[in-house]
Amino acid sequence: MDAIILAAGKGERLLPLTENKPKPLLPVAGKPILDHIIEKVEKLVDNIIIIAKYKKEHIYERYSNYTILEQGEIDGTGEAVLTAENYVGDEFLVINGDIIFEDNLKNFLDYELAVGLTKVDNPKDFGVIVLDENNNIIDIEEKPENPKSNLINAGIYKLNKKIFDILKNLPLSKRGERELTDALKILIKKEKVKGYILNGYWNDIGRPWDLLDANKYLLNKIKRNIMGEIEENVVIKDNVIIEEGAKIRANSVIEGPAIIKSGSIVGPLAYIRPYTVLMENTFVGNSSEVKGSIIMKNTKIPHLSYVGDSIIGENCNFGCNTITANLRFDNKPVKVNIKGKRVESVRKLGVIMGDNVKTGVHVSFMPGVKIGSNCWIGANCLIDRDIEKNTFVYKKDELIKKRVKN
């Protein structure tokens, strides 16, 4: 059996994190989302096919040992599946490339035709699935105002080649895409398609705080493994992974669960709090504190800074005393701009920052702001709104000079 992993989308709701990389390559618990999916299915199937398009060069570079197909001009999950028509056998697995899930899928693969389902508290934000008494799918509703159930499409499918004929004759949706869910609506009228409720955790990584939630879930499963260099008076609590090539300098404190990747330097006198991941070659320096955050490759937080509940892109550099606020005074959910709309996120959320951002000294970020890639934030700035990529933000204060009379 083959597996098709859909990794062609742009991930617009995750901007600016996806300005320079496809969504499936965003890191969770120290490695890309796509790595987690491949690890789940590689022992279940004979061949893995990855469908790429947006920033496809990154997919080709990392996954060259798998079959990679480029999706054509037409967008949509249906078109992505159709791309693999000549590369799969009679039965195959299809998985969205942006989900983290716990189920091992062994029982799921026993079905001829099936859709993975999960229960959520907010079904109207997803594709809702309605089952009959035998767990056959009888209806699919896309983001209904009044959902008929709390079961949603989890983005995992067991299909056969019958789906290709449906997809070929399927009209494009209103947004000009070929949608797999539209094909499924036709398929359930012709065939019995089982609804399989997934066991355990599931997360569709669609928004920045979903990334942090999945990161927390996976970090809770790690085991302590200290392989890096540890200097004197370092305190390491609970389950922490410190990879070979990482260095923890004197008098630093690390509270797990946390992961510190190879080439990273922590300290001296740094404080790494739970649910933090420092990716390769990062630096958290003297008296800086990082809590519940993902810090991507080659980013430097040298001294006297605080980063909480944030996602920081690659190759960023923080000036002294850069602070991220992560909590509103009223304790209400932090609001974030997602595709032009202000939406509520979670109670604690810091800054969402793209790649190659530099901050001057004494820069502060209000909760939930998004900073595009390649921005410069000048000294003494309070950033209380989103900043588009390639922007230089600075503040002018008038200096008053007077001579001192002796």
Protein backbone atom coordinates (compact mmCIF):
# COMPACT_ATOMS: atom_id res chain seq x y z
CA MET A 1 0.00 0.00 0.00
CA ASP A 2 1.07 3.57 -0.71
CA ALA A 3 0.62 6.76 1.29
CA ILE A 4 0.04 10.20 -0.21
CA ILE A 5 0.95 13.12 2.03
CA LEU A 6 -0.52 16.46 0.97
CA ALA A 7 2.13 19.15 1.53
CA ALA A 8 1.40 21.69 -1.21
CA GLY A 9 -0.61 24.39 0.62
CA LYS A 10 0.51 27.91 1.48
CA GLY A 11 -0.53 27.97 5.14
CA GLU A 12 -1.78 31.56 5.01
CA ARG A 13 -3.27 31.48 8.51
CA LEU A 14 0.21 30.76 9.86
CA LEU A 15 1.86 33.80 8.33
CA PRO A 16 4.51 35.12 8.89
CA LEU A 17 5.88 31.70 9.88
CA THR A 18 5.22 30.39 6.37
CA GLU A 19 6.68 33.31 4.44
CA ASN A 20 9.86 31.36 3.72
CA LYS A 21 8.90 27.72 4.23
CA PRO A 22 5.90 25.43 3.61
CA LYS A 23 3.65 24.75 6.57
CA PRO A 24 4.56 21.03 6.90
CA LEU A 25 8.16 22.06 7.61
CA LEU A 26 7.32 24.16 10.67
CA PRO A 27 8.97 22.56 13.70
CA VAL A 28 7.06 20.83 16.49
CA ALA A 29 9.02 19.28 19.36
CA GLY A 30 12.28 19.71 17.49
CA LYS A 31 11.41 18.47 14.00
CA PRO A 32 9.06 19.34 11.13
CA ILE A 33 5.38 18.38 11.19
CA LEU A 34 6.03 16.27 8.10
CA ASP A 35 8.65 14.21 9.95
CA HIS A 36 6.08 13.29 12.60
CA ILE A 37 3.61 12.14 9.92
CA ILE A 38 6.20 10.09 8.05
CA GLU A 39 7.27 8.36 11.27
CA LYS A 40 3.63 7.38 11.85
CA VAL A 41 3.07 5.77 8.44
CA GLU A 42 6.43 4.58 7.08
CA LYS A 43 6.12 1.14 8.69
CA LEU A 44 2.52 0.75 7.49
CA VAL A 45 3.08 1.36 3.78
CA ASP A 46 5.48 0.38 0.99
CA ASN A 47 5.88 3.81 -0.56
CA ILE A 48 5.40 7.41 0.56
CA ILE A 49 4.47 10.06 -1.99
CA ILE A 50 4.69 13.72 -1.01
CA ILE A 51 2.72 16.29 -3.00
CA ALA A 52 4.53 19.65 -2.99
CA LYS A 53 3.98 23.07 -4.53
CA TYR A 54 4.45 26.15 -2.31
CA LYS A 55 8.16 26.61 -1.49
CA LYS A 56 8.63 23.13 -2.93
CA GLU A 57 12.42 23.40 -2.99
CA HIS A 58 12.48 22.92 0.78
CA ILE A 59 10.50 19.67 0.44
CA TYR A 60 12.85 18.39 -2.28
CA GLU A 61 15.90 19.24 -0.19
CA ARG A 62 14.82 17.45 2.99
CA TYR A 63 12.85 14.48 1.61
CA SER A 64 14.79 13.51 -1.50
CA ASN A 65 14.65 9.80 -0.53
CA TYR A 66 10.86 9.79 -1.01
CA THR A 67 8.75 10.21 -4.15
CA ILE A 68 7.94 13.91 -4.50
CA LEU A 69 5.38 15.13 -7.04
CA GLU A 70 4.68 18.76 -7.86
CA GLN A 71 1.05 19.85 -7.94
CA GLY A 72 0.08 21.80 -11.07
CA GLU A 73 -1.63 25.16 -11.50
CA ILE A 74 -4.94 24.08 -9.97
CA ASP A 75 -4.99 24.27 -6.17
CA GLY A 76 -6.91 22.12 -3.71
CA THR A 77 -6.61 18.82 -1.90
CA GLY A 78 -8.51 16.98 -4.61
CA GLU A 79 -6.04 18.12 -7.26
CA ALA A 80 -3.18 17.09 -4.97
CA VAL A 81 -4.56 13.54 -4.71
CA LEU A 82 -5.15 13.43 -8.47
CA THR A 83 -1.48 14.30 -9.00
CA ALA A 84 -0.53 10.88 -7.62
CA GLU A 85 -2.92 8.84 -9.80
CA ASN A 86 -0.18 7.04 -11.74
CA TYR A 87 1.99 6.39 -8.69
CA VAL A 88 -0.31 4.42 -6.38
CA GLY A 89 -1.84 0.96 -6.29
CA ASP A 90 -5.51 0.04 -5.98
CA GLU A 91 -5.71 1.11 -2.30
CA PHE A 92 -3.85 3.93 -0.63
CA LEU A 93 -3.68 6.18 2.39
CA VAL A 94 -4.07 9.97 2.12
CA ILE A 95 -2.97 12.29 4.94
CA ASN A 96 -3.00 16.06 5.18
CA GLY A 97 0.55 17.28 5.71
CA ASP A 98 -0.32 19.66 8.55
CA ILE A 99 -1.74 17.45 11.30
CA ILE A 100 -0.33 15.95 14.49
CA PHE A 101 -2.19 12.85 15.70
CA GLU A 102 -1.79 9.98 18.18
CA ASP A 103 -3.65 7.06 16.56
CA ASN A 104 -1.37 4.37 15.07
CA LEU A 105 -3.83 3.83 12.12
CA LYS A 106 -3.46 0.03 12.15
CA ASN A 107 -7.19 -0.59 12.60
CA PHE A 108 -8.02 2.25 10.22
CA LEU A 109 -6.25 0.51 7.35
CA ASP A 110 -8.50 -2.55 7.68
CA TYR A 111 -11.31 -0.63 5.95
CA GLU A 112 -11.60 -0.46 2.16
CA LEU A 113 -12.91 3.11 2.21
CA ALA A 114 -12.77 5.26 5.33
CA VAL A 115 -12.32 8.78 6.67
CA GLY A 116 -10.57 9.50 9.97
CA LEU A 117 -12.73 11.51 12.37
CA THR A 118 -12.20 13.31 15.64
CA LYS A 119 -14.48 15.04 18.15
CA VAL A 120 -14.08 18.78 18.73
CA ASP A 121 -15.80 21.48 20.74
CA ASN A 122 -16.06 23.87 17.77
CA PRO A 123 -17.27 21.73 14.85
CA LYS A 124 -18.61 24.70 12.86
CA ASP A 125 -15.00 25.65 12.10
CA PHE A 126 -14.37 22.34 10.30
CA GLY A 127 -15.89 19.84 7.91
CA VAL A 128 -18.57 18.07 9.94
CA ILE A 129 -19.29 14.36 9.34
CA VAL A 130 -22.65 12.69 10.00
CA LEU A 131 -22.75 8.92 10.52
CA ASP A 132 -25.53 6.34 10.46
CA GLU A 133 -25.96 3.62 13.10
CA ASN A 134 -23.32 1.47 11.33
CA ASN A 135 -20.73 4.27 11.24
CA ASN A 136 -21.16 4.80 7.52
CA ILE A 137 -20.80 8.43 6.44
CA ILE A 138 -24.11 9.81 5.22
CA ASP A 139 -23.38 13.53 5.07
CA ILE A 140 -20.48 16.01 4.97
CA GLU A 141 -21.05 19.66 5.91
CA GLU A 142 -18.36 22.26 5.34
CA LYS A 143 -18.19 24.71 8.28
CA PRO A 144 -21.95 24.62 9.00
CA GLU A 145 -23.55 27.28 11.18
CA ASN A 146 -25.60 24.61 12.98
CA PRO A 147 -23.53 21.38 12.98
CA LYS A 148 -25.39 18.06 13.09
CA SER A 149 -22.58 16.45 15.10
CA ASN A 150 -19.27 17.22 16.79
CA LEU A 151 -17.40 14.75 14.57
CA ILE A 152 -15.14 16.38 12.00
CA ASN A 153 -13.01 15.29 9.09
CA ALA A 154 -9.52 14.72 10.55
CA GLY A 155 -7.68 14.81 7.23
CA ILE A 156 -6.83 11.09 7.07
CA TYR A 157 -8.37 8.89 4.34
CA LYS A 158 -8.29 5.29 3.16
CA LEU A 159 -9.25 5.39 -0.52
CA ASN A 160 -9.08 3.38 -3.71
CA LYS A 161 -8.74 4.27 -7.39
CA LYS A 162 -12.47 4.96 -7.75
CA ILE A 163 -11.79 8.42 -6.33
CA PHE A 164 -9.75 9.42 -9.39
CA ASP A 165 -12.67 9.18 -11.84
CA ILE A 166 -14.73 11.34 -9.51
CA LEU A 167 -11.96 13.92 -9.19
CA LYS A 168 -11.41 14.15 -12.95
CA ASN A 169 -15.06 15.03 -13.52
CA LEU A 170 -15.38 17.30 -10.51
CA PRO A 171 -16.05 21.00 -11.15
CA LEU A 172 -13.83 23.49 -9.37
CA SER A 173 -15.11 25.09 -6.19
CA LYS A 174 -16.03 28.77 -5.83
CA ARG A 175 -12.43 29.53 -4.90
CA GLY A 176 -11.17 27.81 -8.05
CA GLU A 177 -9.88 24.67 -6.37
CA ARG A 178 -10.49 20.97 -6.81
CA GLU A 179 -11.69 19.87 -3.37
CA LEU A 180 -11.29 16.35 -2.02
CA THR A 181 -14.31 16.84 0.26
CA ASP A 182 -16.48 17.56 -2.79
CA ALA A 183 -15.36 14.24 -4.26
CA LEU A 184 -16.12 12.48 -0.98
CA LYS A 185 -19.68 13.80 -1.04
CA ILE A 186 -20.14 12.01 -4.37
CA LEU A 187 -18.32 8.88 -3.22
CA ILE A 188 -20.54 8.36 -0.14
CA LYS A 189 -23.60 8.25 -2.44
CA LYS A 190 -22.06 5.43 -4.48
CA GLU A 191 -20.10 3.44 -1.88
CA LYS A 192 -20.09 2.68 1.82
CA VAL A 193 -17.43 4.88 3.39
CA LYS A 194 -16.74 4.22 7.05
CA GLY A 195 -16.18 6.92 9.62
CA TYR A 196 -13.31 5.93 11.89
CA ILE A 197 -12.95 7.89 15.14
CA LEU A 198 -9.26 8.41 15.85
CA ASN A 199 -7.88 7.53 19.25
CA GLY A 200 -6.10 10.16 21.31
CA TYR A 201 -4.70 13.56 20.44
CA TRP A 202 -5.31 15.28 17.10
CA ASN A 203 -4.45 18.81 16.00
CA ASP A 204 -4.85 20.52 12.65
CA ILE A 205 -1.95 23.01 12.64
CA GLY A 206 -3.82 25.92 11.10
CA ARG A 207 -2.97 28.81 13.43
CA PRO A 208 0.15 29.76 15.41
CA TRP A 209 -1.28 28.71 18.77
CA ASP A 210 -2.09 25.27 17.31
CA LEU A 211 1.63 24.89 16.71
CA LEU A 212 2.35 25.69 20.37
CA ASP A 213 -0.37 23.30 21.55
CA ALA A 214 1.02 20.41 19.47
CA ASN A 215 4.50 21.27 20.69
CA LYS A 216 3.29 20.99 24.29
CA TYR A 217 1.57 17.65 23.64
CA LEU A 218 4.66 16.08 22.10
CA LEU A 219 7.05 17.49 24.69
CA ASN A 220 5.01 15.77 27.41
CA LYS A 221 6.09 12.46 25.83
CA ILE A 222 9.85 12.98 25.73
CA LYS A 223 12.34 11.17 27.98
CA ARG A 224 15.32 12.76 29.68
CA ASN A 225 18.50 12.53 27.57
CA ILE A 226 21.47 14.77 28.36
CA MET A 227 24.23 14.48 25.72
CA GLY A 228 25.55 18.05 25.46
CA GLU A 229 28.20 19.85 27.47
CA ILE A 230 27.06 20.98 30.93
CA GLU A 231 29.12 23.53 32.89
CA GLU A 232 29.17 24.02 36.67
CA ASN A 233 26.13 24.86 38.80
CA VAL A 234 23.59 24.07 36.07
CA VAL A 235 20.17 22.88 37.29
CA ILE A 236 18.21 20.55 34.98
CA LYS A 237 14.75 19.50 36.17
CA ASP A 238 12.44 16.80 34.79
CA ASN A 239 12.50 15.50 31.19
CA VAL A 240 14.93 17.51 29.11
CA ILE A 241 16.69 16.57 25.87
CA ILE A 242 20.03 18.30 25.33
CA GLU A 243 21.53 17.08 22.09
CA GLU A 244 25.20 16.40 21.49
CA GLY A 245 26.89 19.62 20.40
CA ALA A 246 24.74 21.84 22.62
CA LYS A 247 26.33 23.69 25.54
CA ILE A 248 24.73 24.80 28.81
CA ARG A 249 26.89 27.40 30.48
CA ALA A 250 27.33 28.00 34.19
CA ASN A 251 24.47 28.80 36.60
CA SER A 252 21.68 28.26 34.10
CA VAL A 253 18.36 26.59 34.95
CA ILE A 254 16.43 24.36 32.56
CA GLU A 255 12.99 23.05 33.51
CA GLY A 256 11.47 20.30 31.42
CA PRO A 257 9.90 19.23 29.34
CA ALA A 258 12.20 21.03 26.93
CA ILE A 259 14.46 20.30 23.96
CA ILE A 260 17.77 21.99 23.21
CA LYS A 261 19.10 21.05 19.79
CA SER A 262 22.67 20.60 18.60
CA GLY A 263 24.83 23.70 18.31
CA SER A 264 22.74 25.72 20.76
CA ILE A 265 24.26 27.67 23.63
CA VAL A 266 22.35 28.49 26.82
CA GLY A 267 23.66 30.88 29.46
CA PRO A 268 25.39 31.76 31.60
CA LEU A 269 22.58 32.56 34.04
CA ALA A 270 19.84 31.76 31.51
CA TYR A 271 16.42 30.35 32.45
CA ILE A 272 14.68 27.89 30.10
CA ARG A 273 11.19 27.12 31.33
CA PRO A 274 8.86 24.22 30.40
CA TYR A 275 7.56 23.59 26.86
CA THR A 276 10.44 25.40 25.19
CA VAL A 277 12.28 24.14 22.12
CA LEU A 278 15.55 25.72 21.02
CA MET A 279 16.28 24.58 17.48
CA GLU A 280 19.80 24.13 16.07
CA ASN A 281 22.44 26.81 16.66
CA THR A 282 20.28 29.08 18.80
CA PHE A 283 21.67 31.20 21.63
CA VAL A 284 19.90 32.24 24.82
CA GLY A 285 22.39 34.28 26.81
CA ASN A 286 23.07 35.97 30.10
CA SER A 287 19.95 36.46 32.26
CA SER A 288 17.52 35.80 29.40
CA GLU A 289 14.37 33.76 30.01
CA VAL A 290 12.39 31.68 27.51
CA LYS A 291 9.10 30.01 28.40
CA GLY A 292 6.69 27.85 26.36
CA SER A 293 8.17 28.96 23.04
CA ILE A 294 9.61 27.63 19.79
CA ILE A 295 12.86 29.35 18.83
CA MET A 296 13.92 28.40 15.31
CA LYS A 297 17.41 27.83 13.90
CA ASN A 298 20.25 30.35 14.27
CA THR A 299 18.25 32.82 16.37
CA LYS A 300 20.00 34.74 19.14
CA ILE A 301 18.50 36.09 22.36
CA PRO A 302 21.76 37.20 23.96
CA HIS A 303 20.98 38.99 27.22
CA LEU A 304 18.37 40.39 29.60
CA SER A 305 15.38 39.42 27.43
CA TYR A 306 12.09 37.58 28.04
CA VAL A 307 10.31 35.45 25.43
CA GLY A 308 7.05 33.83 26.54
CA ASP A 309 4.53 31.67 24.63
CA SER A 310 5.98 32.86 21.34
CA ILE A 311 7.20 31.48 18.02
CA ILE A 312 10.38 33.09 16.73
CA GLY A 313 11.60 32.42 13.19
CA GLU A 314 15.08 31.62 11.92
CA ASN A 315 18.10 33.95 11.97
CA CYS A 316 16.57 36.53 14.30
CA ASN A 317 18.63 38.64 16.68
CA PHE A 318 17.26 40.32 19.80
CA GLY A 319 18.81 43.44 21.26
CA CYS A 320 19.31 43.72 25.01
CA ASN A 321 16.08 43.78 27.04
CA THR A 322 13.71 42.69 24.28
CA ILE A 323 10.46 41.68 25.99
CA THR A 324 7.40 39.80 24.72
CA ALA A 325 4.17 40.36 26.64
CA ASN A 326 1.90 37.32 26.58
CA LEU A 327 -1.10 38.10 28.83
CA ARG A 328 -3.90 40.66 28.75
CA PHE A 329 -4.78 42.58 31.92
CA ASP A 330 -8.35 41.21 31.75
CA ASN A 331 -7.17 37.59 31.28
CA LYS A 332 -9.30 37.27 28.14
CA PRO A 333 -8.00 35.35 25.09
CA VAL A 334 -5.36 37.23 23.13
CA LYS A 335 -6.68 38.50 19.78
CA VAL A 336 -4.68 37.85 16.62
CA ASN A 337 -5.09 38.95 13.01
CA ILE A 338 -5.74 35.88 10.85
CA LYS A 339 -6.34 36.53 7.14
CA GLY A 340 -7.61 40.03 7.83
CA LYS A 341 -9.90 39.13 10.75
CA ARG A 342 -9.36 39.62 14.49
CA VAL A 343 -9.88 36.25 16.15
CA GLU A 344 -9.55 35.05 19.72
CA SER A 345 -6.65 32.70 20.34
CA VAL A 346 -5.65 31.46 23.80
CA ARG A 347 -5.15 33.07 27.20
CA LYS A 348 -1.38 33.34 26.85
CA LEU A 349 0.24 34.16 23.53
CA GLY A 350 3.30 36.27 22.84
CA VAL A 351 4.78 37.36 19.51
CA ILE A 352 4.62 35.46 16.19
CA MET A 353 7.78 36.40 14.31
CA GLY A 354 9.08 35.57 10.85
CA ASP A 355 12.70 35.04 9.82
CA ASN A 356 15.64 37.47 9.85
CA VAL A 357 14.12 39.98 12.29
CA LYS A 358 16.42 42.23 14.31
CA THR A 359 15.44 44.24 17.38
CA GLY A 360 17.28 47.09 19.05
CA VAL A 361 17.63 47.56 22.79
CA HIS A 362 14.54 47.97 25.00
CA VAL A 363 11.99 46.70 22.45
CA SER A 364 8.64 45.40 23.74
CA PHE A 365 5.96 43.40 21.92
CA MET A 366 2.32 43.33 23.01
CA PRO A 367 0.47 39.97 23.13
CA GLY A 368 -0.44 38.39 19.80
CA VAL A 369 1.40 40.74 17.44
CA LYS A 370 2.85 39.33 14.22
CA ILE A 371 6.17 40.53 12.82
CA GLY A 372 6.96 39.75 9.19
CA SER A 373 10.30 38.50 7.96
CA ASN A 374 13.29 40.80 7.40
CA CYS A 375 12.03 43.54 9.72
CA TRP A 376 14.20 45.84 11.81
CA ILE A 377 12.68 47.13 15.04
CA GLY A 378 14.57 50.14 16.38
CA ALA A 379 15.47 50.84 20.00
CA ASN A 380 12.82 51.74 22.61
CA CYS A 381 9.86 50.76 20.42
CA LEU A 382 6.60 49.37 21.84
CA ILE A 383 5.05 47.21 19.11
CA ASP A 384 1.30 46.96 19.64
CA ARG A 385 0.20 46.03 16.10
CA ASP A 386 1.32 43.75 13.29
CA ILE A 387 4.32 44.73 11.18
CA GLU A 388 4.52 43.66 7.53
CA LYS A 389 7.66 41.99 6.21
CA ASN A 390 10.64 44.09 5.04
CA THR A 391 9.76 47.00 7.32
CA PHE A 392 12.08 49.25 9.36
CA VAL A 393 10.30 50.55 12.46
CA TYR A 394 12.02 53.18 14.57
CA LYS A 395 11.19 55.90 17.06
CA LYS A 396 12.48 59.49 17.12
CA ASP A 397 12.85 61.27 20.44
CA GLU A 398 14.00 64.85 20.60
CA LEU A 399 17.09 65.30 22.72
CA ILE A 400 17.33 68.54 24.67
CA LYS A 401 20.86 69.77 25.21
CA LYS A 402 21.82 72.53 27.64
CA ARG A 403 25.18 73.65 28.84
CA VAL A 404 25.95 73.15 32.50
CA LYS A 405 26.88 76.35 34.31
CA ASN A 406 29.78 75.92 36.69
